[in-house]
C-alpha atoms as a PDB file:
ATOM      1  CA  MET A   1      98.706 -16.310 201.548  1.00  0.00           C
ATOM      2  CA  GLY A   2      98.440 -13.261 199.335  1.00  0.00           C
ATOM      3  CA  ASP A   3      96.420 -11.345 201.956  1.00  0.00           C
ATOM      4  CA  PHE A   4      98.836 -12.415 204.681  1.00  0.00           C
ATOM      5  CA  SER A   5     101.720 -10.927 202.739  1.00  0.00           C
ATOM      6  CA  LYS A   6      99.934  -7.536 202.703  1.00  0.00           C
ATOM      7  CA  LEU A   7      98.703  -7.401 206.307  1.00  0.00           C
ATOM      8  CA  LEU A   8     101.200  -4.693 207.258  1.00  0.00           C
ATOM      9  CA  GLU A   9     101.442  -2.981 203.893  1.00  0.00           C
ATOM     10  CA  GLY A  10     102.106   0.718 204.471  1.00  0.00           C
ATOM     11  CA  VAL A  11     103.939   0.119 207.773  1.00  0.00           C
ATOM     12  CA  VAL A  12     107.563   1.266 207.937  1.00  0.00           C
ATOM     13  CA  PHE A  13     109.001   0.144 211.269  1.00  0.00           C
ATOM     14  CA  THR A  14     112.172   0.072 213.323  1.00  0.00           C
ATOM     15  CA  ILE A  15     112.907  -1.854 216.546  1.00  0.00           C
ATOM     16  CA  SER A  16     114.187  -0.725 219.948  1.00  0.00           C
ATOM     17  CA  GLY A  17     115.230  -2.537 223.092  1.00  0.00           C
ATOM     18  CA  ILE A  18     115.192  -6.013 221.543  1.00  0.00           C
ATOM     19  CA  GLN A  19     118.363  -7.970 220.891  1.00  0.00           C
ATOM     20  CA  ASN A  20     119.171 -10.707 218.402  1.00  0.00           C
ATOM     21  CA  PRO A  21     118.049 -13.370 217.677  1.00  0.00           C
ATOM     22  CA  GLU A  22     114.587 -12.064 218.717  1.00  0.00           C
ATOM     23  CA  ARG A  23     115.183  -8.773 216.876  1.00  0.00           C
ATOM     24  CA  GLY A  24     115.882 -10.600 213.625  1.00  0.00           C
ATOM     25  CA  GLN A  25     112.845 -12.799 214.094  1.00  0.00           C
ATOM     26  CA  LEU A  26     110.584  -9.793 214.597  1.00  0.00           C
ATOM     27  CA  ARG A  27     112.055  -8.096 211.549  1.00  0.00           C
ATOM     28  CA  THR A  28     111.501 -11.184 209.405  1.00  0.00           C
ATOM     29  CA  LYS A  29     107.892 -11.602 210.555  1.00  0.00           C
ATOM     30  CA  GLY A  30     107.130  -7.948 209.841  1.00  0.00           C
ATOM     31  CA  LEU A  31     108.651  -8.186 206.383  1.00  0.00           C
ATOM     32  CA  GLU A  32     106.724 -11.368 205.608  1.00  0.00           C
ATOM     33  CA  MET A  33     103.495  -9.489 206.374  1.00  0.00           C
ATOM     34  CA  GLY A  34     104.352  -6.667 203.912  1.00  0.00           C
ATOM     35  CA  ALA A  35     105.930  -4.114 206.190  1.00  0.00           C
ATOM     36  CA  GLN A  36     109.179  -2.287 205.466  1.00  0.00           C
ATOM     37  CA  TYR A  37     112.041  -2.238 207.944  1.00  0.00           C
ATOM     38  CA  ARG A  38     114.595   0.493 208.819  1.00  0.00           C
ATOM     39  CA  PRO A  39     117.662  -0.138 211.062  1.00  0.00           C
ATOM     40  CA  ASP A  40     116.937   3.194 212.743  1.00  0.00           C
ATOM     41  CA  TRP A  41     114.117   5.787 212.788  1.00  0.00           C
ATOM     42  CA  THR A  42     114.075   7.713 209.527  1.00  0.00           C
ATOM     43  CA  ALA A  43     111.846  10.310 207.896  1.00  0.00           C
ATOM     44  CA  ASP A  44     109.581   7.667 206.385  1.00  0.00           C
ATOM     45  CA  CYS A  45     109.166   5.523 209.490  1.00  0.00           C
ATOM     46  CA  THR A  46     105.578   5.159 210.751  1.00  0.00           C
ATOM     47  CA  LEU A  47     106.048   2.825 213.745  1.00  0.00           C
ATOM     48  CA  LEU A  48     108.489   1.954 216.490  1.00  0.00           C
ATOM     49  CA  VAL A  49     108.290  -1.610 217.819  1.00  0.00           C
ATOM     50  CA  CYS A  50     109.532  -1.481 221.409  1.00  0.00           C
ATOM     51  CA  ALA A  51     110.220  -3.900 224.199  1.00  0.00           C
ATOM     52  CA  PHE A  52     109.316  -1.601 227.104  1.00  0.00           C
ATOM     53  CA  LEU A  53     108.447   1.982 228.035  1.00  0.00           C
ATOM     54  CA  GLY A  54     110.980   4.630 228.845  1.00  0.00           C
ATOM     55  CA  THR A  55     113.944   3.616 226.687  1.00  0.00           C
ATOM     56  CA  PRO A  56     115.935   6.503 225.104  1.00  0.00           C
ATOM     57  CA  LYS A  57     114.525   5.597 221.680  1.00  0.00           C
ATOM     58  CA  PHE A  58     111.003   5.404 223.115  1.00  0.00           C
ATOM     59  CA  LYS A  59     111.314   8.923 224.550  1.00  0.00           C
ATOM     60  CA  GLU A  60     112.832  10.252 221.324  1.00  0.00           C
ATOM     61  CA  ILE A  61     110.048   8.951 219.101  1.00  0.00           C
ATOM     62  CA  GLN A  62     107.368   9.897 221.602  1.00  0.00           C
ATOM     63  CA  ALA A  63     108.673  13.491 221.546  1.00  0.00           C
ATOM     64  CA  LYS A  64     108.513  13.424 217.742  1.00  0.00           C
ATOM     65  CA  GLY A  65     104.886  12.364 217.821  1.00  0.00           C
ATOM     66  CA  GLY A  66     105.493   8.880 216.392  1.00  0.00           C
ATOM     67  CA  SER A  67     103.379   5.848 217.144  1.00  0.00           C
ATOM     68  CA  ILE A  68     104.902   3.097 219.326  1.00  0.00           C
ATOM     69  CA  VAL A  69     103.660  -0.463 219.743  1.00  0.00           C
ATOM     70  CA  SER A  70     104.582  -3.527 221.777  1.00  0.00           C
ATOM     71  CA  LYS A  71     106.440  -6.340 219.987  1.00  0.00           C
ATOM     72  CA  ASP A  72     103.489  -8.588 220.906  1.00  0.00           C
ATOM     73  CA  TRP A  73     101.404  -6.869 218.212  1.00  0.00           C
ATOM     74  CA  ILE A  74     103.729  -8.138 215.491  1.00  0.00           C
ATOM     75  CA  LEU A  75     103.776 -11.588 217.053  1.00  0.00           C
ATOM     76  CA  GLU A  76      99.988 -11.814 217.386  1.00  0.00           C
ATOM     77  CA  CYS A  77      99.391 -10.614 213.812  1.00  0.00           C
ATOM     78  CA  TYR A  78     101.806 -13.282 212.616  1.00  0.00           C
ATOM     79  CA  LYS A  79     100.375 -16.004 214.853  1.00  0.00           C
ATOM     80  CA  GLN A  80      96.726 -15.323 214.002  1.00  0.00           C
ATOM     81  CA  ARG A  81      97.548 -14.510 210.361  1.00  0.00           C
ATOM     82  CA  LYS A  82      95.324 -11.431 210.501  1.00  0.00           C
ATOM     83  CA  LEU A  83      95.545  -7.795 211.515  1.00  0.00           C
ATOM     84  CA  VAL A  84      94.773  -7.777 215.236  1.00  0.00           C
ATOM     85  CA  ASP A  85      93.540  -4.684 217.117  1.00  0.00           C
ATOM     86  CA  PHE A  86      96.357  -2.185 217.177  1.00  0.00           C
ATOM     87  CA  GLU A  87      94.875  -0.292 220.159  1.00  0.00           C
ATOM     88  CA  ARG A  88      95.379  -3.300 222.459  1.00  0.00           C
ATOM     89  CA  PHE A  89      99.157  -3.148 222.046  1.00  0.00           C
ATOM     90  CA  VAL A  90      99.840   0.586 221.530  1.00  0.00           C
ATOM     91  CA  LEU A  91     102.378   2.167 223.876  1.00  0.00           C
ATOM     92  CA  ASN A  92     102.208   5.670 222.394  1.00  0.00           C
ATOM     93  CA  LYS A  93      99.469   6.805 220.037  1.00  0.00           C
ATOM     94  CA  GLY A  94     101.045   9.324 217.659  1.00  0.00           C
ATOM     95  CA  ARG A  95     100.722   9.861 213.930  1.00  0.00           C
ATOM     96  CA  PRO A  96      99.105   7.099 211.840  1.00  0.00           C
ATOM     97  CA  TRP A  97     101.048   3.822 212.136  1.00  0.00           C
ATOM     98  CA  ARG A  98     100.652   2.990 208.460  1.00  0.00           C
ATOM     99  CA  VAL A  99     100.614   5.041 205.243  1.00  0.00           C
ATOM    100  CA  LEU A 100      98.038   3.975 202.683  1.00  0.00           C
ATOM    101  CA  GLY A 101      96.589   6.047 199.871  1.00  0.00           C
ATOM    102  CA  ASP A 102      93.767   5.218 197.480  1.00  0.00           C
ATOM    103  CA  ARG A 103      93.347   1.485 196.841  1.00  0.00           C
ATOM    104  CA  GLY A 104      96.115   0.616 199.272  1.00  0.00           C
ATOM    105  CA  ARG A 105      98.881   2.483 197.486  1.00  0.00           C
ATOM    106  CA  SER A 106     101.503   3.952 199.763  1.00  0.00           C
ATOM    107  CA  LEU A 107     101.425   7.705 199.740  1.00  0.00           C
ATOM    108  CA  LYS A 108     105.181   7.852 199.582  1.00  0.00           C
ATOM    109  CA  GLN A 109     104.902   6.478 196.089  1.00  0.00           C
ATOM    110  CA  LYS A 110     103.118   9.646 195.000  1.00  0.00           C
ATOM    111  CA  LYS A 111     105.414  12.339 193.659  1.00  0.00           C
ATOM    112  CA  VAL A 112     104.964  15.727 195.343  1.00  0.00           C
ATOM    113  CA  ASN A 113     105.487  18.757 193.121  1.00  0.00           C
ATOM    114  CA  CYS A 114     104.549  22.284 194.191  1.00  0.00           C
ATOM    115  CA  GLY A 115     105.352  24.002 190.911  1.00  0.00           C
ATOM    116  CA  THR A 116     107.902  24.733 188.227  1.00  0.00           C
ATOM    117  CA  ALA A 117     111.291  26.234 188.996  1.00  0.00           C
ATOM    118  CA  GLN A 118     110.146  29.530 187.444  1.00  0.00           C
ATOM    119  CA  GLU A 119     107.046  29.658 189.656  1.00  0.00           C
ATOM    120  CA  ILE A 120     109.087  28.979 192.811  1.00  0.00           C
ATOM    121  CA  GLN A 121     111.644  31.635 191.837  1.00  0.00           C
ATOM    122  CA  LYS A 122     108.717  34.100 191.669  1.00  0.00           C
ATOM    123  CA  TRP A 123     107.626  32.939 195.175  1.00  0.00           C
ATOM    124  CA  ALA A 124     111.093  33.713 196.522  1.00  0.00           C
ATOM    125  CA  GLN A 125     111.117  37.164 194.948  1.00  0.00           C
ATOM    126  CA  ASP A 126     107.635  37.959 196.277  1.00  0.00           C
ATOM    127  CA  ASP A 127     108.531  36.717 199.767  1.00  0.00           C
ATOM    128  CA  LEU A 128     111.560  38.987 199.824  1.00  0.00           C
ATOM    129  CA  LYS A 129     109.435  42.025 198.983  1.00  0.00           C
ATOM    130  CA  LEU A 130     106.936  41.165 201.716  1.00  0.00           C
ATOM    131  CA  ILE A 131     109.531  40.733 204.448  1.00  0.00           C
ATOM    132  CA  ILE A 132     111.357  43.939 203.429  1.00  0.00           C
ATOM    133  CA  ASN A 133     108.085  45.865 203.682  1.00  0.00           C
ATOM    134  CA  TRP A 134     107.513  44.512 207.145  1.00  0.00           C
ATOM    135  CA  LEU A 135     111.058  45.309 208.311  1.00  0.00           C
ATOM    136  CA  GLN A 136     110.664  48.879 207.133  1.00  0.00           C
ATOM    137  CA  GLU A 137     107.634  49.306 209.376  1.00  0.00           C
ATOM    138  CA  GLN A 138     109.357  48.188 212.582  1.00  0.00           C
ATOM    139  CA  ASP A 139     110.730  50.520 215.258  1.00  0.00           C
ATOM    140  CA  ALA A 140     113.933  48.516 215.467  1.00  0.00           C
ATOM    141  CA  LYS A 141     115.107  47.598 212.020  1.00  0.00           C
ATOM    142  CA  PRO A 142     118.296  46.987 210.049  1.00  0.00           C
ATOM    143  CA  GLY A 143     119.875  49.834 208.111  1.00  0.00           C
ATOM    144  CA  PRO A 144     118.597  50.425 204.562  1.00  0.00           C
ATOM    145  CA  GLU A 145     121.585  48.622 203.110  1.00  0.00           C
ATOM    146  CA  GLU A 146     120.880  45.583 205.247  1.00  0.00           C
ATOM    147  CA  LEU A 147     117.147  45.151 204.660  1.00  0.00           C
ATOM    148  CA  GLU A 148     117.416  42.786 201.702  1.00  0.00           C
ATOM    149  CA  SER A 149     120.107  40.576 203.192  1.00  0.00           C
ATOM    150  CA  VAL A 150     118.408  40.295 206.593  1.00  0.00           C
ATOM    151  CA  GLY A 151     115.113  39.487 204.924  1.00  0.00           C
ATOM    152  CA  ALA A 152     116.659  36.917 202.637  1.00  0.00           C
ATOM    153  CA  GLN A 153     118.407  35.227 205.551  1.00  0.00           C
ATOM    154  CA  GLY A 154     115.166  35.020 207.522  1.00  0.00           C
ATOM    155  CA  ILE A 155     113.408  33.349 204.638  1.00  0.00           C
ATOM    156  CA  LEU A 156     116.191  30.769 204.162  1.00  0.00           C
ATOM    157  CA  VAL A 157     116.469  29.978 207.861  1.00  0.00           C
ATOM    158  CA  CYS A 158     112.703  29.308 207.982  1.00  0.00           C
ATOM    159  CA  LEU A 159     113.046  26.950 205.001  1.00  0.00           C
ATOM    160  CA  GLU A 160     115.963  25.193 206.693  1.00  0.00           C
ATOM    161  CA  ASP A 161     113.792  24.644 209.745  1.00  0.00           C
ATOM    162  CA  ALA A 162     111.072  23.183 207.554  1.00  0.00           C
ATOM    163  CA  VAL A 163     113.453  20.753 205.828  1.00  0.00           C
ATOM    164  CA  LYS A 164     114.964  19.689 209.124  1.00  0.00           C
ATOM    165  CA  SER A 165     111.554  19.141 210.726  1.00  0.00           C
ATOM    166  CA  LEU A 166     110.390  16.990 207.808  1.00  0.00           C
ATOM    167  CA  ALA A 167     113.626  15.020 207.872  1.00  0.00           C
ATOM    168  CA  GLU A 168     113.025  14.232 211.540  1.00  0.00           C
ATOM    169  CA  ASN A 169     109.439  13.132 210.743  1.00  0.00           C
ATOM    170  CA  GLN A 170     108.038  15.911 212.995  1.00  0.00           C
ATOM    171  CA  GLY A 171     105.864  17.634 210.406  1.00  0.00           C
ATOM    172  CA  LEU A 172     105.597  21.408 209.988  1.00  0.00           C
ATOM    173  CA  SER A 173     103.460  22.284 213.022  1.00  0.00           C
ATOM    174  CA  SER A 174     106.403  23.488 215.067  1.00  0.00           C
ATOM    175  CA  VAL A 175     107.709  25.602 212.171  1.00  0.00           C
ATOM    176  CA  ILE A 176     104.257  27.206 211.728  1.00  0.00           C
ATOM    177  CA  GLU A 177     104.046  27.831 215.469  1.00  0.00           C
ATOM    178  CA  ASN A 178     107.532  29.333 215.873  1.00  0.00           C
ATOM    179  CA  TRP A 179     107.607  31.433 212.748  1.00  0.00           C
ATOM    180  CA  GLY A 180     105.121  34.232 212.215  1.00  0.00           C
ATOM    181  CA  PHE A 181     106.386  34.814 208.690  1.00  0.00           C
ATOM    182  CA  LEU A 182     106.087  31.761 206.445  1.00  0.00           C
ATOM    183  CA  PRO A 183     107.544  31.762 202.932  1.00  0.00           C
ATOM    184  CA  LYS A 184     105.051  30.616 200.339  1.00  0.00           C
ATOM    185  CA  ALA A 185     107.105  27.404 199.843  1.00  0.00           C
ATOM    186  CA  VAL A 186     106.447  26.446 203.467  1.00  0.00           C
ATOM    187  CA  LYS A 187     102.765  27.301 203.173  1.00  0.00           C
ATOM    188  CA  GLU A 188     102.483  25.039 200.131  1.00  0.00           C
ATOM    189  CA  LEU A 189     104.231  22.179 201.948  1.00  0.00           C
ATOM    190  CA  ALA A 190     101.924  22.679 204.940  1.00  0.00           C
ATOM    191  CA  ALA A 191      98.877  22.462 202.654  1.00  0.00           C
ATOM    192  CA  ILE A 192     100.206  19.197 201.228  1.00  0.00           C
ATOM    193  CA  GLU A 193     100.833  17.863 204.736  1.00  0.00           C
ATOM    194  CA  LYS A 194      97.228  18.513 205.751  1.00  0.00           C
ATOM    195  CA  GLY A 195      96.014  16.306 202.915  1.00  0.00           C
ATOM    196  CA  VAL A 196      97.961  13.183 203.858  1.00  0.00           C
ATOM    197  CA  THR A 197      98.081  10.887 206.841  1.00  0.00           C
ATOM    198  CA  GLU A 198     101.879  10.770 207.138  1.00  0.00           C
ATOM    199  CA  ILE A 199     104.990  12.553 205.979  1.00  0.00           C
ATOM    200  CA  SER A 200     106.395  10.952 202.834  1.00  0.00           C
ATOM    201  CA  SER A 201     109.923  10.832 201.493  1.00  0.00           C
ATOM    202  CA  SER A 202     108.597  12.645 198.412  1.00  0.00           C
ATOM    203  CA  THR A 203     107.451  15.556 200.617  1.00  0.00           C
ATOM    204  CA  LEU A 204     110.937  15.830 202.080  1.00  0.00           C
ATOM    205  CA  GLU A 205     112.510  15.675 198.633  1.00  0.00           C
ATOM    206  CA  GLU A 206     110.199  18.443 197.448  1.00  0.00           C
ATOM    207  CA  ALA A 207     111.069  20.594 200.492  1.00  0.00           C
ATOM    208  CA  GLU A 208     114.759  20.177 199.703  1.00  0.00           C
ATOM    209  CA  ARG A 209     114.075  21.110 196.040  1.00  0.00           C
ATOM    210  CA  LEU A 210     112.199  24.248 197.061  1.00  0.00           C
ATOM    211  CA  LYS A 211     114.971  25.214 199.468  1.00  0.00           C
ATOM    212  CA  GLY A 212     117.530  24.816 196.700  1.00  0.00           C
ATOM    213  CA  ILE A 213     115.590  27.060 194.330  1.00  0.00           C
ATOM    214  CA  TYR A 214     115.140  29.724 197.039  1.00  0.00           C
ATOM    215  CA  ASP A 215     118.895  29.517 197.769  1.00  0.00           C
ATOM    216  CA  GLU A 216     119.736  30.018 194.136  1.00  0.00           C
ATOM    217  CA  THR A 217     117.224  32.867 193.694  1.00  0.00           C
ATOM    218  CA  LEU A 218     118.369  34.781 196.799  1.00  0.00           C
ATOM    219  CA  LYS A 219     122.090  34.128 196.552  1.00  0.00           C
ATOM    220  CA  ASP A 220     122.753  37.384 194.733  1.00  0.00           C
ATOM    221  CA  VAL A 221     121.138  39.328 197.587  1.00  0.00           C
ATOM    222  CA  LEU A 222     123.402  37.617 200.138  1.00  0.00           C
ATOM    223  CA  GLY A 223     126.398  37.894 197.828  1.00  0.00           C
ATOM    224  CA  SER A 224     125.917  41.612 197.375  1.00  0.00           C
ATOM    225  CA  ARG A 225     125.962  42.030 201.152  1.00  0.00           C
ATOM    226  CA  LYS A 226     129.253  40.256 201.414  1.00  0.00           C
ATOM    227  CA  SER A 227     130.704  42.387 198.627  1.00  0.00           C
ATOM    228  CA  ALA A 228     129.429  45.538 200.308  1.00  0.00           C
ATOM    229  CA  ASN A 229     130.960  44.485 203.610  1.00  0.00           C
ATOM    230  CA  SER A 230     134.315  43.796 201.963  1.00  0.00           C
ATOM    231  CA  SER A 231     134.212  47.224 200.239  1.00  0.00           C
ATOM    232  CA  GLU A 232     133.296  48.919 203.496  1.00  0.00           C
ATOM    233  CA  GLN A 233     136.181  47.237 205.247  1.00  0.00           C
ATOM    234  CA  MET A 234     138.591  48.525 202.584  1.00  0.00           C
ATOM    235  CA  LYS A 235     137.238  52.074 202.642  1.00  0.00           C
ATOM    236  CA  GLY A 236     136.196  52.496 206.237  1.00  0.00           C
ATOM    237  CA  GLY A 237     139.160  51.030 208.029  1.00  0.00           C
ATOM    238  CA  VAL A 238     137.349  48.044 209.461  1.00  0.00           C
ATOM    239  CA  GLU A 239     139.774  45.215 208.755  1.00  0.00           C
ATOM    240  CA  GLU A 240     138.731  41.694 208.030  1.00  0.00           C
ATOM    241  CA  GLY A 241     138.117  39.784 211.240  1.00  0.00           C
ATOM    242  CA  GLU A 242     137.333  42.899 213.331  1.00  0.00           C
ATOM    243  CA  VAL A 243     133.935  43.396 214.952  1.00  0.00           C
ATOM    244  CA  ASP A 244     131.895  46.440 213.938  1.00  0.00           C
ATOM    245  CA  ASP A 245     130.723  48.266 217.101  1.00  0.00           C
ATOM    246  CA  ASP A 246     127.470  49.233 215.417  1.00  0.00           C
ATOM    247  CA  ALA A 247     126.683  45.584 214.670  1.00  0.00           C
ATOM    248  CA  THR A 248     127.480  44.683 218.285  1.00  0.00           C
ATOM    249  CA  GLU A 249     125.080  47.379 219.487  1.00  0.00           C
ATOM    250  CA  VAL A 250     122.267  46.030 217.293  1.00  0.00           C
ATOM    251  CA  MET A 251     122.798  42.495 218.657  1.00  0.00           C
ATOM    252  CA  SER A 252     122.674  43.702 222.269  1.00  0.00           C
ATOM    253  CA  ASP A 253     119.483  45.659 221.621  1.00  0.00           C
ATOM    254  CA  ILE A 254     117.670  42.453 220.671  1.00  0.00           C
ATOM    255  CA  ASN A 255     117.669  41.375 224.332  1.00  0.00           C
ATOM    256  CA  SER A 256     118.610  44.511 226.172  1.00  0.00           C
ATOM    257  CA  GLN A 257     117.203  43.239 229.458  1.00  0.00           C
ATOM    258  CA  GLU A 258     119.900  40.560 229.473  1.00  0.00           C
ATOM    259  CA  THR A 259     122.717  42.979 228.613  1.00  0.00           C
ATOM    260  CA  VAL A 260     125.453  43.187 231.245  1.00  0.00           C
ATOM    261  CA  ASP A 261     128.560  45.389 231.578  1.00  0.00           C
ATOM    262  CA  TYR A 262     131.498  44.156 229.631  1.00  0.00           C
ATOM    263  CA  ASN A 263     135.021  45.092 228.885  1.00  0.00           C
ATOM    264  CA  SER A 264     135.727  45.813 225.218  1.00  0.00           C
ATOM    265  CA  ASP A 265     139.070  44.109 225.631  1.00  0.00           C
ATOM    266  CA  ASP A 266     137.148  40.834 225.976  1.00  0.00           C
ATOM    267  CA  THR A 267     135.680  41.143 222.412  1.00  0.00           C
ATOM    268  CA  ILE A 268     136.212  37.951 220.429  1.00  0.00           C
ATOM    269  CA  VAL A 269     137.695  38.391 216.961  1.00  0.00           C
ATOM    270  CA  MET A 270     135.540  36.504 214.476  1.00  0.00           C
ATOM    271  CA  GLU A 271     136.098  35.453 210.891  1.00  0.00           C
ATOM    272  CA  PRO A 272     133.632  36.765 208.290  1.00  0.00           C
ATOM    273  CA  GLU A 273     132.046  33.309 207.941  1.00  0.00           C
ATOM    274  CA  ALA A 274     131.408  33.145 211.689  1.00  0.00           C
ATOM    275  CA  ILE A 275     129.896  36.601 211.619  1.00  0.00           C
ATOM    276  CA  ASP A 276     127.539  35.543 208.838  1.00  0.00           C
ATOM    277  CA  GLU A 277     126.520  32.461 210.829  1.00  0.00           C
ATOM    278  CA  CYS A 278     125.821  34.572 213.906  1.00  0.00           C
ATOM    279  CA  THR A 279     123.744  36.990 211.838  1.00  0.00           C
ATOM    280  CA  LYS A 280     121.754  34.085 210.468  1.00  0.00           C
ATOM    281  CA  LYS A 281     121.049  32.731 213.938  1.00  0.00           C
ATOM    282  CA  LEU A 282     120.184  36.211 215.185  1.00  0.00           C
ATOM    283  CA  MET A 283     117.674  36.654 212.378  1.00  0.00           C
ATOM    284  CA  GLN A 284     116.022  33.335 213.263  1.00  0.00           C
ATOM    285  CA  ARG A 285     115.744  34.427 216.889  1.00  0.00           C
ATOM    286  CA  PHE A 286     114.553  37.918 215.979  1.00  0.00           C
ATOM    287  CA  VAL A 287     111.798  36.721 213.623  1.00  0.00           C
ATOM    288  CA  GLY A 288     110.777  33.990 216.056  1.00  0.00           C
ATOM    289  CA  MET A 289     110.457  36.422 218.943  1.00  0.00           C
ATOM    290  CA  THR A 290     108.510  39.039 217.034  1.00  0.00           C
ATOM    291  CA  ARG A 291     106.213  36.435 215.379  1.00  0.00           C
ATOM    292  CA  LEU A 292     106.287  38.269 212.101  1.00  0.00           C
ATOM    293  CA  ARG A 293     102.884  38.577 210.409  1.00  0.00           C
ATOM    294  CA  ILE A 294     102.744  39.396 206.738  1.00  0.00           C
ATOM    295  CA  PRO A 295      99.444  40.205 204.997  1.00  0.00           C
ATOM    296  CA  GLN A 296      98.296  37.423 202.699  1.00  0.00           C
END
C-alpha cells in the first residue's frame, strides 16, 4: 500500500471538462496515489487531466506547453494499482508530467538562490552600465539625460516579463527569444531552468526576489528622472499633464512607416503616471524590435 500511495508522487494536476461527482472522484483517486491537486492551473502544475480535446482550458495549457492526459489514465492507474503507460493516454505531450529530483524528492522542495542581495545589486549596476553603453552607440538614441532612465526601464521590463512567464508556467524561452538584452538575473534563472525538468515555485519566488532587488537598486535612477522632469516643467513652461512635442517625435520615429498625418488639436492630455507607463511599454517594444545584443 505504501508504493500505491506514491504512484503519482511529483504530479501536480488540475481537471478540466469533468463535472461532479466524477470530478471529485478523480481528484480523490489522484490524491490517494500521491499526486497534488490544484483547483485551477497554477505555476507549479505539471499535468492537466481532461475529458476531451479542444476545450478552452485544453487550448490554454497546450499553448503554454503543458502536458495533458485523458482521465482514463488516472482511472487505470488506480484500477491496476500501478503506474500504467502514460503515452497511451496522453492528449498533448508538453513539459514533463511529474517533477522528481534525486531519490524521488520533488524539485520544488529545493530552495533556489542565485546569490546574496549585495551580489544581485552589483548585477543590476553592471547591467545598467552595459545597456547605457549600447544605447550610446545607436543611431537613434535617447538624449544624454535620458540614457540611464531608459536603460533602467528596459532592464526592469525584461525582468517583469521573466516573472510573468514563470508565473504562467511557460518557462523563459519566450523571454530569451524576444529580448536580445538579458539582465544577468534572467541569465542566472535560465541556467537554473536548464538544469531541472519543470518550473518550481521556488524558481518563481527567486525570480520575484531578484526583481525586487533590481527595483530597489535602480529606483534612484528612475526617481531622478521624475525629479528632472518636474524641474524642467517648472523652468521650461511645460506644465504637468502636457505632452512634450520632442517626446512625441521620438515615439513616432520608432515606427515611422506607420506614421500618419494628424491634427495637433487631437493630442490626448496625459497624467505623468500614464506617460511613464507609455515610456515603459515603448522601451519594451524598442528593445524587442532591435534585439539588443550586449557583449558578455
